[in-house]
Amino acid sequence: EFALSPASITVPVGGSIDISNNGTMVHNVAVTDTDLKTADLASGESATLDVSSLEPGTYEVYCAIAGHKEAGMVATLEVK
């Protein structure tokens, strides 16, 4: 329930990430230190996170629901 999979995500410059909530609770995905975030997704819902504004580099992505990041919902995003 409290994990982002895969733990390491690679996207090309100008790309996006397809997000699916396979858990039972509401989750979202945000990029640390940016305004990029999906809407809150109920179980079974999906969204696309547009990361085309990010420069090449490594970023942290996480669930911004209170307590979820601390519970382990963190992954690495590499834009290249």
Protein backbone atom coordinates (compact mmCIF):
# COMPACT_ATOMS: atom_id res chain seq x y z
CA GLU A 1 0.00 0.00 0.00
CA PHE A 2 2.75 2.48 0.91
CA ALA A 3 5.27 2.13 -1.91
CA LEU A 4 5.87 3.66 -5.31
CA SER A 5 6.66 1.08 -7.96
CA PRO A 6 9.03 1.07 -9.63
CA ALA A 7 11.36 2.72 -7.10
CA SER A 8 13.40 4.19 -9.96
CA ILE A 9 11.68 5.87 -12.91
CA THR A 10 13.40 7.09 -16.07
CA VAL A 11 11.70 9.39 -18.58
CA PRO A 12 13.04 11.27 -21.57
CA VAL A 13 13.28 15.07 -21.54
CA GLY A 14 9.83 16.38 -22.45
CA GLY A 15 8.14 13.21 -21.20
CA SER A 16 5.41 12.21 -18.80
CA ILE A 17 4.70 9.47 -16.27
CA ASP A 18 1.59 7.26 -16.30
CA ILE A 19 0.38 6.85 -12.72
CA SER A 20 -2.00 4.14 -11.49
CA ASN A 21 -3.24 3.72 -7.93
CA ASN A 22 -3.16 -0.02 -7.30
CA GLY A 23 -3.69 0.43 -3.57
CA THR A 24 -6.86 0.67 -1.52
CA MET A 25 -6.35 4.21 -0.18
CA VAL A 26 -6.26 7.60 -1.94
CA HIS A 27 -2.79 8.50 -3.25
CA ASN A 28 -1.12 11.05 -5.53
CA VAL A 29 2.36 11.61 -6.96
CA ALA A 30 4.32 14.85 -6.64
CA VAL A 31 7.84 15.95 -7.60
CA THR A 32 9.84 17.41 -4.69
CA ASP A 33 10.56 21.15 -4.88
CA THR A 34 8.23 21.70 -7.86
CA ASP A 35 4.53 22.43 -8.38
CA LEU A 36 4.12 19.16 -10.30
CA LYS A 37 1.52 16.85 -8.72
CA THR A 38 -1.31 14.60 -9.84
CA ALA A 39 -4.81 14.94 -8.47
CA ASP A 40 -5.66 12.66 -5.56
CA LEU A 41 -6.43 9.26 -7.08
CA ALA A 42 -8.88 6.80 -5.56
CA SER A 43 -8.17 3.08 -5.75
CA GLY A 44 -8.13 1.98 -9.38
CA GLU A 45 -7.83 5.49 -10.83
CA SER A 46 -5.06 6.63 -13.17
CA ALA A 47 -3.52 9.92 -14.28
CA THR A 48 -0.63 11.23 -16.33
CA LEU A 49 1.97 13.45 -14.68
CA ASP A 50 3.48 15.83 -17.23
CA VAL A 51 7.16 16.30 -16.35
CA SER A 52 8.10 18.02 -19.61
CA SER A 53 9.06 21.19 -17.73
CA LEU A 54 11.86 19.41 -15.85
CA GLU A 55 15.48 19.81 -16.89
CA PRO A 56 17.61 16.67 -17.23
CA GLY A 57 18.56 15.40 -13.80
CA THR A 58 17.50 13.31 -10.84
CA TYR A 59 14.42 14.17 -8.80
CA GLU A 60 12.47 12.72 -5.89
CA VAL A 61 8.83 11.77 -6.42
CA TYR A 62 6.50 10.98 -3.53
CA CYS A 63 2.92 10.73 -2.37
CA ALA A 64 1.90 14.10 -0.89
CA ILE A 65 -0.94 12.69 1.25
CA ALA A 66 -0.05 13.36 4.90
CA GLY A 67 2.13 10.57 6.30
CA HIS A 68 2.43 8.58 3.06
CA LYS A 69 5.92 9.80 2.13
CA GLU A 70 7.11 8.97 5.64
CA ALA A 71 5.55 5.51 5.28
CA GLY A 72 7.75 4.79 2.26
CA MET A 73 5.97 6.26 -0.77
CA VAL A 74 9.13 7.72 -2.33
CA ALA A 75 10.90 6.98 -5.60
CA THR A 76 13.65 8.43 -7.78
CA LEU A 77 12.87 10.08 -11.11
CA GLU A 78 15.61 10.47 -13.69
CA VAL A 79 14.96 12.80 -16.62
CA LYS A 80 17.40 12.28 -19.47
